[in-house]
Protein backbone atom coordinates (compact mmCIF):
# COMPACT_ATOMS: atom_id res chain seq x y z
CA MET A 1 10.23 -2.05 -13.72
CA SER A 2 7.80 0.27 -15.44
CA ASN A 3 6.65 3.50 -13.89
CA SER A 4 3.34 1.96 -12.88
CA LEU A 5 2.24 -1.41 -11.60
CA LEU A 6 -0.50 -3.52 -13.12
CA ALA A 7 -3.79 -4.09 -11.32
CA SER A 8 -2.89 -7.79 -11.12
CA ALA A 9 0.38 -7.08 -9.27
CA VAL A 10 0.81 -8.67 -5.86
CA LEU A 11 2.92 -6.74 -3.36
CA THR A 12 4.65 -7.69 -0.17
CA ALA A 13 5.55 -5.07 2.40
CA ASP A 14 9.24 -5.07 3.27
CA PRO A 15 9.46 -7.12 6.49
CA ALA A 16 12.14 -4.76 7.80
CA ILE A 17 9.62 -1.93 7.97
CA VAL A 18 8.23 -1.47 11.45
CA TRP A 19 4.69 -0.16 11.54
CA ARG A 20 1.98 0.59 14.05
CA ASP A 21 -1.58 1.83 13.92
CA VAL A 22 -1.57 5.02 16.00
CA ALA A 23 -4.78 6.97 16.50
CA GLY A 24 -6.18 5.98 13.11
CA GLU A 25 -2.95 6.55 11.21
CA VAL A 26 -0.45 3.91 10.13
CA VAL A 27 3.07 5.00 11.05
CA LEU A 28 5.97 3.33 9.22
CA LEU A 29 9.58 3.33 10.35
CA ASN A 30 12.17 2.34 7.79
CA PRO A 31 15.20 1.24 9.82
CA LYS A 32 17.37 1.31 6.70
CA SER A 33 16.94 5.05 6.35
CA ASP A 34 15.65 6.04 9.81
CA ARG A 35 12.70 7.69 8.08
CA ILE A 36 9.18 7.79 9.45
CA MET A 37 6.11 8.00 7.22
CA GLY A 38 2.51 8.51 8.28
CA LEU A 39 -0.27 6.97 6.21
CA ASN A 40 -3.90 7.85 6.78
CA GLY A 41 -7.13 6.57 5.29
CA CYS A 42 -6.73 4.53 2.13
CA GLY A 43 -2.92 4.58 2.28
CA GLY A 44 -2.91 2.98 5.72
CA GLU A 45 -5.50 0.41 4.73
CA THR A 46 -3.55 -0.43 1.58
CA TRP A 47 -0.39 -0.96 3.65
CA LYS A 48 -2.19 -3.33 6.01
CA LEU A 49 -3.37 -5.46 3.07
CA LEU A 50 0.05 -5.90 1.41
CA ASP A 51 0.42 -9.55 2.37
CA GLY A 52 2.00 -11.01 -0.74
CA GLU A 53 -1.22 -12.80 -1.63
CA ARG A 54 -3.75 -10.14 -2.60
CA SER A 55 -3.61 -8.40 -5.97
CA LEU A 56 -3.93 -4.64 -6.16
CA THR A 57 -7.39 -5.19 -7.65
CA THR A 58 -8.43 -7.22 -4.61
CA ILE A 59 -6.99 -4.61 -2.25
CA ALA A 60 -8.75 -1.81 -4.12
CA HIS A 61 -12.05 -3.69 -3.95
CA ALA A 62 -11.73 -4.09 -0.16
CA ILE A 63 -10.91 -0.40 0.26
CA SER A 64 -13.72 0.66 -2.06
CA GLU A 65 -16.17 -1.39 0.00
CA ARG A 66 -14.89 -0.01 3.29
CA PHE A 67 -14.82 3.65 2.28
CA ARG A 68 -17.66 3.41 -0.27
CA GLY A 69 -15.52 4.97 -2.98
CA ASP A 70 -15.73 4.75 -6.75
CA SER A 71 -14.07 1.41 -7.55
CA GLU A 72 -12.24 2.65 -10.65
CA GLN A 73 -10.84 5.69 -8.85
CA VAL A 74 -9.84 3.64 -5.81
CA LEU A 75 -8.03 1.15 -8.06
CA ALA A 76 -6.15 3.97 -9.79
CA ASP A 77 -5.20 5.45 -6.40
CA VAL A 78 -4.07 2.07 -5.02
CA ILE A 79 -1.92 1.42 -8.09
CA ALA A 80 -0.34 4.89 -7.86
CA PHE A 81 0.36 4.49 -4.14
CA ALA A 82 1.72 0.95 -4.56
CA THR A 83 4.03 2.19 -7.31
CA ILE A 84 5.47 4.78 -4.92
CA LEU A 85 5.96 2.14 -2.22
CA VAL A 86 7.91 -0.05 -4.65
CA GLN A 87 9.97 2.88 -5.93
CA ARG A 88 10.91 3.80 -2.35
CA GLY A 89 11.83 0.22 -1.51
CA LEU A 90 9.05 -0.20 1.06
CA ALA A 91 7.37 -3.04 -0.83
CA THR A 92 8.22 -5.52 -3.56
CA SER A 93 6.11 -6.71 -6.45
CA ARG A 94 5.83 -10.19 -7.90
């Protein structure tokens, strides 16, 4: 896989990852590594939308609408974050 995903990529969160929304932050527990990760703001919203059906462009549009951010910047941020999730084995791309 390349270092960066395409805007048309569709990701699925690893079903083994346990997550909860706690006080406005998404907390992930990776049982494979016993690591916990906290995601706030756009990162948490991106995680919630990784359903294996939405493209990163669609996810970025939803986040841009919700947070009223610049759509191009939000898309770049979503792609960068999604790339990290895939590299860490927390999500897969198709």
